[in-house]
C-alpha atoms as a PDB file:
ATOM      1  CA  MET A   1    -104.924   7.611 -28.579  1.00  0.00           C
ATOM      2  CA  ILE A   2    -104.604   4.276 -30.425  1.00  0.00           C
ATOM      3  CA  ASP A   3    -101.493   3.595 -32.491  1.00  0.00           C
ATOM      4  CA  SER A   4    -101.399   1.685 -35.788  1.00  0.00           C
ATOM      5  CA  LYS A   5    -101.130  -1.637 -33.928  1.00  0.00           C
ATOM      6  CA  GLY A   6    -104.255  -1.040 -31.848  1.00  0.00           C
ATOM      7  CA  MET A   7    -102.300  -0.331 -28.680  1.00  0.00           C
ATOM      8  CA  PRO A   8    -102.875   2.722 -26.521  1.00  0.00           C
ATOM      9  CA  GLY A   9    -100.151   5.256 -27.166  1.00  0.00           C
ATOM     10  CA  PRO A  10     -98.831   8.227 -25.199  1.00  0.00           C
ATOM     11  CA  ARG A  11    -101.352  10.932 -24.482  1.00  0.00           C
ATOM     12  CA  ALA A  12    -100.856  14.667 -24.285  1.00  0.00           C
ATOM     13  CA  PRO A  13    -102.319  16.396 -21.236  1.00  0.00           C
ATOM     14  CA  GLN A  14    -105.750  17.733 -22.177  1.00  0.00           C
ATOM     15  CA  ASP A  15    -106.113  20.429 -19.515  1.00  0.00           C
ATOM     16  CA  GLN A  16    -102.854  22.306 -20.198  1.00  0.00           C
ATOM     17  CA  PRO A  17    -102.596  24.936 -22.927  1.00  0.00           C
ATOM     18  CA  PRO A  18     -99.845  24.377 -25.496  1.00  0.00           C
ATOM     19  CA  ALA A  19     -96.464  25.793 -24.516  1.00  0.00           C
ATOM     20  CA  SER A  20     -95.855  29.169 -26.092  1.00  0.00           C
ATOM     21  CA  GLU A  21     -92.516  30.818 -26.649  1.00  0.00           C
ATOM     22  CA  PRO A  22     -91.618  33.514 -24.145  1.00  0.00           C
ATOM     23  CA  ASP A  23     -91.428  37.107 -25.353  1.00  0.00           C
ATOM     24  CA  GLN A  24     -87.955  37.509 -23.860  1.00  0.00           C
ATOM     25  CA  PRO A  25     -85.084  35.008 -23.972  1.00  0.00           C
ATOM     26  CA  ALA A  26     -84.484  33.152 -20.725  1.00  0.00           C
ATOM     27  CA  LEU A  27     -81.005  34.719 -20.500  1.00  0.00           C
ATOM     28  CA  ASP A  28     -80.311  38.359 -21.203  1.00  0.00           C
ATOM     29  CA  ARG A  29     -78.212  39.314 -24.217  1.00  0.00           C
ATOM     30  CA  ASN A  30     -75.122  40.081 -22.116  1.00  0.00           C
ATOM     31  CA  VAL A  31     -75.101  36.582 -20.592  1.00  0.00           C
ATOM     32  CA  GLN A  32     -75.756  34.994 -24.011  1.00  0.00           C
ATOM     33  CA  GLY A  33     -72.829  36.953 -25.460  1.00  0.00           C
ATOM     34  CA  ARG A  34     -70.472  35.861 -22.678  1.00  0.00           C
ATOM     35  CA  ILE A  35     -71.496  32.214 -23.072  1.00  0.00           C
ATOM     36  CA  GLY A  36     -70.992  32.481 -26.831  1.00  0.00           C
ATOM     37  CA  SER A  37     -67.550  34.022 -26.381  1.00  0.00           C
ATOM     38  CA  HIS A  38     -66.492  31.270 -23.995  1.00  0.00           C
ATOM     39  CA  LEU A  39     -67.795  28.540 -26.311  1.00  0.00           C
ATOM     40  CA  ARG A  40     -65.954  30.057 -29.295  1.00  0.00           C
ATOM     41  CA  ALA A  41     -62.722  30.260 -27.280  1.00  0.00           C
ATOM     42  CA  MET A  42     -63.054  26.638 -26.164  1.00  0.00           C
ATOM     43  CA  TYR A  43     -63.790  25.499 -29.735  1.00  0.00           C
ATOM     44  CA  ASP A  44     -60.846  27.455 -31.132  1.00  0.00           C
ATOM     45  CA  ASP A  45     -58.569  25.873 -28.514  1.00  0.00           C
ATOM     46  CA  LEU A  46     -59.901  22.423 -29.374  1.00  0.00           C
ATOM     47  CA  MET A  47     -59.276  22.972 -33.089  1.00  0.00           C
ATOM     48  CA  GLN A  48     -55.608  23.779 -32.332  1.00  0.00           C
ATOM     49  CA  GLN A  49     -55.073  20.355 -30.732  1.00  0.00           C
ATOM     50  CA  PRO A  50     -53.397  17.670 -32.863  1.00  0.00           C
ATOM     51  CA  ILE A  51     -55.469  14.751 -34.115  1.00  0.00           C
ATOM     52  CA  PRO A  52     -54.769  11.700 -31.936  1.00  0.00           C
ATOM     53  CA  ASP A  53     -52.718   8.968 -33.626  1.00  0.00           C
ATOM     54  CA  ARG A  54     -55.441   6.391 -33.006  1.00  0.00           C
ATOM     55  CA  PHE A  55     -57.888   8.506 -35.059  1.00  0.00           C
ATOM     56  CA  ILE A  56     -55.378   8.821 -37.893  1.00  0.00           C
ATOM     57  CA  ASP A  57     -54.845   5.033 -37.823  1.00  0.00           C
ATOM     58  CA  LEU A  58     -58.596   4.429 -37.825  1.00  0.00           C
ATOM     59  CA  LEU A  59     -59.096   6.733 -40.810  1.00  0.00           C
ATOM     60  CA  ALA A  60     -56.267   5.017 -42.698  1.00  0.00           C
ATOM     61  CA  ASN A  61     -57.823   1.602 -42.014  1.00  0.00           C
ATOM     62  CA  LEU A  62     -61.210   2.832 -43.212  1.00  0.00           C
ATOM     63  CA  GLU A  63     -59.696   4.237 -46.409  1.00  0.00           C
ATOM     64  CA  ARG A  64     -57.877   0.960 -47.101  1.00  0.00           C
ATOM     65  CA  ALA A  65     -61.088  -0.997 -46.520  1.00  0.00           C
ATOM     66  CA  ALA A  66     -63.013   1.322 -48.851  1.00  0.00           C
ATOM     67  CA  ASP A  67     -60.394   0.902 -51.596  1.00  0.00           C
ATOM     68  CA  LYS A  68     -60.522  -2.910 -51.413  1.00  0.00           C
ATOM     69  CA  PRO A  69     -63.187  -4.614 -53.527  1.00  0.00           C
ATOM     70  CA  SER A  70     -65.529  -6.463 -51.205  1.00  0.00           C
ATOM     71  CA  GLU A  71     -65.855 -10.233 -51.494  1.00  0.00           C
ATOM     72  CA  THR A  72     -69.643 -10.002 -51.762  1.00  0.00           C
ATOM     73  CA  SER A  73     -69.692  -7.616 -54.711  1.00  0.00           C
ATOM     74  CA  PRO A  74     -70.280  -9.163 -58.135  1.00  0.00           C
ATOM     75  CA  LYS A  75     -67.134  -9.644 -60.169  1.00  0.00           C
ATOM     76  CA  THR A  76     -66.964  -8.110 -63.601  1.00  0.00           C
ATOM     77  CA  SER A  77     -65.115  -9.947 -66.358  1.00  0.00           C
END
């Protein structure tokens, strides 16, 4: 294959059929459910944690910077 700059690009294997989706999921429904339950529990625990002070400071600095008119913007009179 030649790309727009005339250079050879990546090639797909010609002798392999395209990958098809399996009829069954790789993990059975019971395992998927347990993984989902664990992920939800971990996420819920994470959401109960306080926001670190350094993130709060960073957000405050960003808000102050957004409120300030930039020096490169045209001035209106």
